[in-house]
N, C-alpha and C. Protein backbone atom coordinates (compact mmCIF):
# COMPACT_ATOMS: atom_id res chain seq x y z
N MET A 1 153.79 61.05 125.72
CA MET A 1 154.72 60.87 124.62
C MET A 1 155.58 59.64 124.90
N ASN A 2 155.77 58.86 123.88
CA ASN A 2 156.63 57.69 124.00
C ASN A 2 158.08 58.13 123.80
N ASP A 3 158.87 58.06 124.86
CA ASP A 3 160.27 58.45 124.75
C ASP A 3 161.19 57.26 124.51
N GLY A 4 160.61 56.08 124.34
CA GLY A 4 161.39 54.89 124.06
C GLY A 4 161.98 54.22 125.28
N GLY A 5 161.79 54.81 126.43
CA GLY A 5 162.39 54.24 127.64
C GLY A 5 163.84 54.69 127.79
N LEU A 6 164.52 54.07 128.69
CA LEU A 6 165.90 54.46 128.97
C LEU A 6 166.85 53.87 127.93
N ALA A 7 167.79 54.68 127.47
CA ALA A 7 168.76 54.22 126.48
C ALA A 7 169.86 53.38 127.13
N PHE A 8 170.32 53.80 128.28
CA PHE A 8 171.43 53.11 128.93
C PHE A 8 171.17 52.95 130.43
N PRO A 9 170.14 52.22 130.80
CA PRO A 9 169.88 52.05 132.23
C PRO A 9 171.01 51.25 132.88
N GLN A 10 171.30 51.58 134.09
CA GLN A 10 172.35 50.89 134.82
C GLN A 10 171.74 50.19 136.02
N THR A 11 172.04 48.93 136.16
CA THR A 11 171.54 48.18 137.31
C THR A 11 172.70 47.46 137.99
N ILE A 12 172.59 47.39 139.29
CA ILE A 12 173.54 46.63 140.09
C ILE A 12 172.71 45.78 141.03
N ASP A 13 172.91 44.47 140.96
CA ASP A 13 172.15 43.54 141.80
C ASP A 13 170.65 43.78 141.68
N SER A 14 170.18 43.92 140.44
CA SER A 14 168.76 44.10 140.11
C SER A 14 168.16 45.40 140.62
N MET A 15 168.98 46.35 141.05
CA MET A 15 168.47 47.65 141.49
C MET A 15 168.95 48.71 140.51
N ARG A 16 168.03 49.60 140.14
CA ARG A 16 168.40 50.66 139.21
C ARG A 16 169.37 51.61 139.88
N TYR A 17 170.49 51.85 139.20
CA TYR A 17 171.54 52.72 139.73
C TYR A 17 171.44 54.12 139.14
N GLY A 18 171.16 54.19 137.86
CA GLY A 18 171.08 55.49 137.19
C GLY A 18 170.12 55.41 136.04
N ASN A 19 169.49 56.53 135.72
CA ASN A 19 168.51 56.54 134.65
C ASN A 19 169.13 56.73 133.27
N GLY A 20 170.24 57.41 133.18
CA GLY A 20 170.81 57.68 131.87
C GLY A 20 169.89 58.59 131.07
N MET A 21 169.97 58.51 129.76
CA MET A 21 169.11 59.33 128.90
C MET A 21 168.03 58.46 128.29
N THR A 22 167.01 59.10 127.74
CA THR A 22 165.97 58.33 127.08
C THR A 22 166.44 57.91 125.70
N LEU A 23 165.79 56.91 125.16
CA LEU A 23 166.11 56.47 123.81
C LEU A 23 165.81 57.58 122.81
N ARG A 24 164.79 58.36 123.09
CA ARG A 24 164.45 59.49 122.20
C ARG A 24 165.59 60.50 122.16
N ASP A 25 166.16 60.82 123.32
CA ASP A 25 167.30 61.74 123.36
C ASP A 25 168.49 61.16 122.60
N TYR A 26 168.73 59.88 122.78
CA TYR A 26 169.86 59.23 122.11
C TYR A 26 169.67 59.27 120.59
N PHE A 27 168.46 58.90 120.13
CA PHE A 27 168.19 58.93 118.69
C PHE A 27 168.32 60.34 118.13
N ALA A 28 167.83 61.34 118.86
CA ALA A 28 167.94 62.73 118.40
C ALA A 28 169.40 63.15 118.31
N GLY A 29 170.20 62.75 119.27
CA GLY A 29 171.64 63.07 119.22
C GLY A 29 172.32 62.42 118.04
N MET A 30 171.93 61.19 117.73
CA MET A 30 172.52 60.51 116.58
C MET A 30 172.09 61.18 115.26
N ALA A 31 170.82 61.61 115.21
CA ALA A 31 170.35 62.33 114.02
C ALA A 31 171.11 63.64 113.86
N LEU A 32 171.31 64.36 114.95
CA LEU A 32 172.06 65.61 114.90
C LEU A 32 173.49 65.37 114.44
N GLN A 33 174.09 64.31 114.93
CA GLN A 33 175.45 63.97 114.51
C GLN A 33 175.48 63.71 113.00
N GLY A 34 174.47 63.01 112.50
CA GLY A 34 174.39 62.75 111.07
C GLY A 34 174.23 64.02 110.26
N PHE A 35 173.39 64.94 110.76
CA PHE A 35 173.22 66.22 110.07
C PHE A 35 174.56 66.94 109.95
N CYS A 36 175.29 66.98 111.04
CA CYS A 36 176.56 67.71 111.07
C CYS A 36 177.63 67.04 110.22
N ALA A 37 177.55 65.73 110.07
CA ALA A 37 178.55 65.00 109.29
C ALA A 37 178.27 65.07 107.79
N ASN A 38 177.06 65.44 107.41
CA ASN A 38 176.69 65.49 106.00
C ASN A 38 177.23 66.77 105.39
N THR A 39 178.25 66.65 104.57
CA THR A 39 178.89 67.83 103.99
C THR A 39 178.02 68.52 102.94
N LYS A 40 176.94 67.87 102.51
CA LYS A 40 176.05 68.48 101.52
C LYS A 40 175.02 69.40 102.18
N LEU A 41 174.90 69.34 103.50
CA LEU A 41 173.99 70.22 104.22
C LEU A 41 174.77 71.39 104.79
N ASP A 42 174.20 72.56 104.71
CA ASP A 42 174.84 73.73 105.30
C ASP A 42 174.27 73.94 106.70
N VAL A 43 174.74 73.12 107.63
CA VAL A 43 174.23 73.15 109.00
C VAL A 43 174.47 74.50 109.65
N GLY A 44 175.50 75.19 109.25
CA GLY A 44 175.83 76.48 109.84
C GLY A 44 174.75 77.53 109.66
N THR A 45 173.87 77.35 108.67
CA THR A 45 172.82 78.33 108.45
C THR A 45 171.54 78.00 109.20
N TRP A 46 171.47 76.83 109.82
CA TRP A 46 170.27 76.44 110.54
C TRP A 46 170.16 77.21 111.85
N ILE A 47 168.94 77.46 112.24
CA ILE A 47 168.68 78.06 113.54
C ILE A 47 168.61 76.92 114.54
N GLY A 48 169.22 77.10 115.70
CA GLY A 48 169.35 76.04 116.70
C GLY A 48 168.07 75.28 117.01
N ASP A 49 166.97 76.00 117.24
CA ASP A 49 165.75 75.29 117.60
C ASP A 49 165.18 74.51 116.42
N ALA A 50 165.41 74.96 115.19
CA ALA A 50 164.94 74.23 114.02
C ALA A 50 165.71 72.92 113.87
N VAL A 51 167.00 72.96 114.13
CA VAL A 51 167.83 71.75 114.06
C VAL A 51 167.38 70.76 115.12
N ALA A 52 167.13 71.24 116.32
CA ALA A 52 166.68 70.37 117.41
C ALA A 52 165.33 69.75 117.07
N LYS A 53 164.42 70.54 116.53
CA LYS A 53 163.10 70.00 116.16
C LYS A 53 163.24 68.92 115.09
N ASP A 54 164.10 69.16 114.10
CA ASP A 54 164.32 68.16 113.07
C ASP A 54 164.91 66.87 113.66
N ALA A 55 165.88 67.02 114.55
CA ALA A 55 166.51 65.84 115.16
C ALA A 55 165.50 65.04 115.97
N TYR A 56 164.66 65.73 116.74
CA TYR A 56 163.65 65.03 117.54
C TYR A 56 162.53 64.45 116.66
N SER A 57 162.26 65.08 115.53
CA SER A 57 161.28 64.50 114.59
C SER A 57 161.78 63.16 114.07
N TYR A 58 163.06 63.11 113.71
CA TYR A 58 163.65 61.84 113.28
C TYR A 58 163.59 60.82 114.41
N ALA A 59 163.90 61.25 115.62
CA ALA A 59 163.88 60.34 116.76
C ALA A 59 162.47 59.78 116.99
N ASP A 60 161.47 60.64 116.90
CA ASP A 60 160.09 60.19 117.09
C ASP A 60 159.69 59.18 116.02
N GLU A 61 160.10 59.42 114.78
CA GLU A 61 159.80 58.48 113.70
C GLU A 61 160.50 57.14 113.92
N MET A 62 161.72 57.18 114.41
CA MET A 62 162.45 55.93 114.68
C MET A 62 161.77 55.13 115.79
N ILE A 63 161.30 55.81 116.82
CA ILE A 63 160.61 55.12 117.91
C ILE A 63 159.28 54.54 117.42
N ALA A 64 158.56 55.31 116.60
CA ALA A 64 157.29 54.82 116.06
C ALA A 64 157.52 53.58 115.19
N GLU A 65 158.55 53.60 114.37
CA GLU A 65 158.85 52.45 113.52
C GLU A 65 159.28 51.26 114.37
N ARG A 66 160.04 51.51 115.40
CA ARG A 66 160.47 50.45 116.32
C ARG A 66 159.26 49.80 116.99
N ASP A 67 158.28 50.62 117.38
CA ASP A 67 157.07 50.10 118.00
C ASP A 67 156.27 49.25 117.03
N LYS A 68 156.22 49.64 115.75
CA LYS A 68 155.51 48.85 114.74
C LYS A 68 156.13 47.46 114.61
N GLU A 69 157.44 47.41 114.59
CA GLU A 69 158.14 46.13 114.41
C GLU A 69 158.00 45.23 115.64
N ALA A 70 157.77 45.84 116.80
CA ALA A 70 157.65 45.05 118.03
C ALA A 70 156.29 44.36 118.14
N ARG A 71 155.34 44.80 117.35
CA ARG A 71 153.98 44.22 117.42
C ARG A 71 153.91 42.90 116.73
């Protein structure tokens, strides 16, 4: 699975210091934040795993689109 690589890698003197989160995780978190901020959606009725699946679906689509543009 393409996770987009690291979202916030940290390097000091060309050596990796920390891995941070993947770009896929970051995109999914941003999608989840958008879901929660949308007052027209009743997020309170969603089941947790369904919300997570939706957020990661958006993240996967964003990574796929990003890969298309990089070609």
